[in-house]
Amino acid sequence: MNTFLKEVATLLIRKIKTEIAEFDHWTDKQETKAAIDNLIRDTLWAELPACYDKISISMYRRQIYEYV
């Protein structure tokens, strides 16, 4: 399971870096911040196993977004 989570984290950070690279000062506009937040949400929902509930995914989403 830890290996799987590490793969999801690696995939997510790669996606975030690719998306952020397309923007100049991505934190300046609400639309670009929302795009990154949605990317995190969509990736977590698509990649994490079903044992992760809505509350957990929301919490992780917020923590990841704040980290980025």
N, C-alpha and C. Protein backbone atom coordinates (compact mmCIF):
# COMPACT_ATOMS: atom_id res chain seq x y z
N MET A 1 0.82 -1.19 0.00
CA MET A 1 0.00 0.00 0.00
C MET A 1 0.87 1.26 0.00
N ASN A 2 1.94 1.28 0.77
CA ASN A 2 2.82 2.45 0.81
C ASN A 2 3.42 2.74 -0.54
N THR A 3 3.79 1.70 -1.28
CA THR A 3 4.34 1.89 -2.62
C THR A 3 3.30 2.51 -3.53
N PHE A 4 2.06 2.07 -3.41
CA PHE A 4 0.99 2.61 -4.22
C PHE A 4 0.78 4.10 -3.92
N LEU A 5 0.75 4.46 -2.64
CA LEU A 5 0.56 5.86 -2.26
C LEU A 5 1.73 6.72 -2.75
N LYS A 6 2.91 6.16 -2.72
CA LYS A 6 4.09 6.89 -3.22
C LYS A 6 3.95 7.13 -4.72
N GLU A 7 3.44 6.17 -5.45
CA GLU A 7 3.22 6.34 -6.89
C GLU A 7 2.16 7.41 -7.16
N VAL A 8 1.10 7.43 -6.37
CA VAL A 8 0.05 8.45 -6.53
C VAL A 8 0.63 9.83 -6.23
N ALA A 9 1.42 9.93 -5.18
CA ALA A 9 2.04 11.22 -4.82
C ALA A 9 2.98 11.70 -5.92
N THR A 10 3.75 10.79 -6.48
CA THR A 10 4.67 11.14 -7.56
C THR A 10 3.90 11.61 -8.79
N LEU A 11 2.85 10.90 -9.14
CA LEU A 11 2.00 11.29 -10.26
C LEU A 11 1.39 12.66 -10.03
N LEU A 12 0.88 12.88 -8.84
CA LEU A 12 0.22 14.15 -8.52
C LEU A 12 1.20 15.31 -8.59
N ILE A 13 2.36 15.17 -8.02
CA ILE A 13 3.32 16.27 -8.04
C ILE A 13 3.78 16.56 -9.47
N ARG A 14 3.91 15.52 -10.28
CA ARG A 14 4.28 15.71 -11.68
C ARG A 14 3.20 16.50 -12.42
N LYS A 15 1.94 16.14 -12.18
CA LYS A 15 0.82 16.85 -12.81
C LYS A 15 0.77 18.31 -12.35
N ILE A 16 0.96 18.53 -11.06
CA ILE A 16 0.91 19.89 -10.52
C ILE A 16 2.03 20.74 -11.13
N LYS A 17 3.23 20.20 -11.17
CA LYS A 17 4.36 20.95 -11.73
C LYS A 17 4.13 21.28 -13.20
N THR A 18 3.58 20.34 -13.95
CA THR A 18 3.29 20.58 -15.37
C THR A 18 2.26 21.68 -15.52
N GLU A 19 1.22 21.62 -14.72
CA GLU A 19 0.14 22.62 -14.79
C GLU A 19 0.65 24.01 -14.38
N ILE A 20 1.40 24.08 -13.30
CA ILE A 20 1.92 25.36 -12.81
C ILE A 20 2.87 25.98 -13.82
N ALA A 21 3.63 25.15 -14.52
CA ALA A 21 4.59 25.66 -15.51
C ALA A 21 3.91 26.43 -16.63
N GLU A 22 2.64 26.17 -16.87
CA GLU A 22 1.90 26.84 -17.94
C GLU A 22 1.47 28.26 -17.56
N PHE A 23 1.55 28.60 -16.28
CA PHE A 23 1.07 29.90 -15.81
C PHE A 23 2.21 30.77 -15.31
N ASP A 24 2.08 32.08 -15.52
CA ASP A 24 2.96 33.04 -14.87
C ASP A 24 2.25 33.47 -13.59
N HIS A 25 2.91 33.31 -12.46
CA HIS A 25 2.34 33.72 -11.19
C HIS A 25 0.95 33.11 -10.97
N TRP A 26 0.91 31.80 -10.92
CA TRP A 26 -0.36 31.08 -10.86
C TRP A 26 -1.21 31.44 -9.64
N THR A 27 -0.58 31.97 -8.60
CA THR A 27 -1.36 32.32 -7.40
C THR A 27 -2.01 33.69 -7.49
N ASP A 28 -1.77 34.43 -8.55
CA ASP A 28 -2.34 35.77 -8.69
C ASP A 28 -3.80 35.78 -9.10
N LYS A 29 -4.23 34.75 -9.79
CA LYS A 29 -5.61 34.72 -10.30
C LYS A 29 -6.40 33.59 -9.66
N GLN A 30 -7.64 33.91 -9.34
CA GLN A 30 -8.52 32.90 -8.74
C GLN A 30 -8.75 31.71 -9.67
N GLU A 31 -8.82 31.97 -10.97
CA GLU A 31 -9.06 30.89 -11.94
C GLU A 31 -7.91 29.89 -11.96
N THR A 32 -6.68 30.39 -11.89
CA THR A 32 -5.54 29.47 -11.94
C THR A 32 -5.39 28.71 -10.62
N LYS A 33 -5.70 29.36 -9.51
CA LYS A 33 -5.67 28.65 -8.23
C LYS A 33 -6.74 27.56 -8.22
N ALA A 34 -7.89 27.86 -8.77
CA ALA A 34 -8.97 26.87 -8.84
C ALA A 34 -8.59 25.71 -9.75
N ALA A 35 -7.87 26.00 -10.83
CA ALA A 35 -7.45 24.94 -11.74
C ALA A 35 -6.51 23.96 -11.03
N ILE A 36 -5.61 24.46 -10.22
CA ILE A 36 -4.69 23.59 -9.48
C ILE A 36 -5.45 22.80 -8.42
N ASP A 37 -6.36 23.46 -7.73
CA ASP A 37 -7.17 22.79 -6.71
C ASP A 37 -8.00 21.67 -7.34
N ASN A 38 -8.59 21.93 -8.49
CA ASN A 38 -9.38 20.92 -9.19
C ASN A 38 -8.51 19.77 -9.68
N LEU A 39 -7.32 20.08 -10.13
CA LEU A 39 -6.38 19.03 -10.56
C LEU A 39 -6.07 18.10 -9.40
N ILE A 40 -5.81 18.67 -8.24
CA ILE A 40 -5.53 17.86 -7.05
C ILE A 40 -6.74 16.99 -6.72
N ARG A 41 -7.91 17.60 -6.67
CA ARG A 41 -9.14 16.86 -6.35
C ARG A 41 -9.38 15.72 -7.33
N ASP A 42 -9.32 16.03 -8.61
CA ASP A 42 -9.60 15.01 -9.63
C ASP A 42 -8.60 13.87 -9.58
N THR A 43 -7.34 14.19 -9.35
CA THR A 43 -6.32 13.15 -9.29
C THR A 43 -6.52 12.27 -8.07
N LEU A 44 -6.80 12.88 -6.93
CA LEU A 44 -7.04 12.08 -5.73
C LEU A 44 -8.24 11.16 -5.90
N TRP A 45 -9.33 11.68 -6.44
CA TRP A 45 -10.52 10.85 -6.65
C TRP A 45 -10.26 9.72 -7.64
N ALA A 46 -9.47 10.00 -8.66
CA ALA A 46 -9.22 8.98 -9.69
C ALA A 46 -8.22 7.93 -9.25
N GLU A 47 -7.25 8.32 -8.45
CA GLU A 47 -6.13 7.42 -8.17
C GLU A 47 -6.20 6.71 -6.81
N LEU A 48 -6.81 7.32 -5.82
CA LEU A 48 -6.85 6.68 -4.51
C LEU A 48 -7.88 5.57 -4.47
N PRO A 49 -7.62 4.52 -3.70
CA PRO A 49 -8.58 3.43 -3.59
C PRO A 49 -9.87 3.89 -2.91
N ALA A 50 -10.90 3.10 -3.08
CA ALA A 50 -12.22 3.42 -2.56
C ALA A 50 -12.27 3.52 -1.04
N CYS A 51 -11.28 2.99 -0.35
CA CYS A 51 -11.28 3.06 1.12
C CYS A 51 -11.07 4.49 1.62
N TYR A 52 -10.66 5.40 0.75
CA TYR A 52 -10.53 6.81 1.12
C TYR A 52 -11.87 7.49 0.89
N ASP A 53 -12.47 7.98 1.96
CA ASP A 53 -13.78 8.59 1.85
C ASP A 53 -13.69 10.07 1.46
N LYS A 54 -14.85 10.66 1.27
CA LYS A 54 -14.95 12.05 0.82
C LYS A 54 -14.25 13.01 1.80
N ILE A 55 -14.43 12.77 3.07
CA ILE A 55 -13.83 13.64 4.09
C ILE A 55 -12.31 13.55 4.05
N SER A 56 -11.79 12.35 3.94
CA SER A 56 -10.33 12.17 3.87
C SER A 56 -9.75 12.83 2.64
N ILE A 57 -10.39 12.63 1.51
CA ILE A 57 -9.89 13.21 0.27
C ILE A 57 -9.94 14.74 0.35
N SER A 58 -10.98 15.29 0.92
CA SER A 58 -11.07 16.75 1.07
C SER A 58 -9.96 17.28 1.97
N MET A 59 -9.67 16.57 3.03
CA MET A 59 -8.61 16.97 3.94
C MET A 59 -7.25 16.92 3.25
N TYR A 60 -6.98 15.82 2.54
CA TYR A 60 -5.71 15.68 1.82
C TYR A 60 -5.60 16.73 0.72
N ARG A 61 -6.69 16.97 0.04
CA ARG A 61 -6.71 17.98 -1.02
C ARG A 61 -6.30 19.34 -0.48
N ARG A 62 -6.88 19.74 0.64
CA ARG A 62 -6.56 21.03 1.24
C ARG A 62 -5.10 21.09 1.68
N GLN A 63 -4.61 20.02 2.30
CA GLN A 63 -3.22 19.98 2.77
C GLN A 63 -2.24 20.04 1.60
N ILE A 64 -2.54 19.32 0.54
CA ILE A 64 -1.66 19.32 -0.63
C ILE A 64 -1.65 20.69 -1.28
N TYR A 65 -2.83 21.29 -1.43
CA TYR A 65 -2.92 22.62 -2.04
C TYR A 65 -2.13 23.64 -1.22
N GLU A 66 -2.29 23.62 0.09
CA GLU A 66 -1.55 24.54 0.96
C GLU A 66 -0.04 24.33 0.86
N TYR A 67 0.37 23.08 0.71
CA TYR A 67 1.79 22.77 0.56
C TYR A 67 2.35 23.34 -0.73
N VAL A 68 1.58 23.18 -1.80
CA VAL A 68 2.02 23.66 -3.12
C VAL A 68 2.03 25.16 -3.12
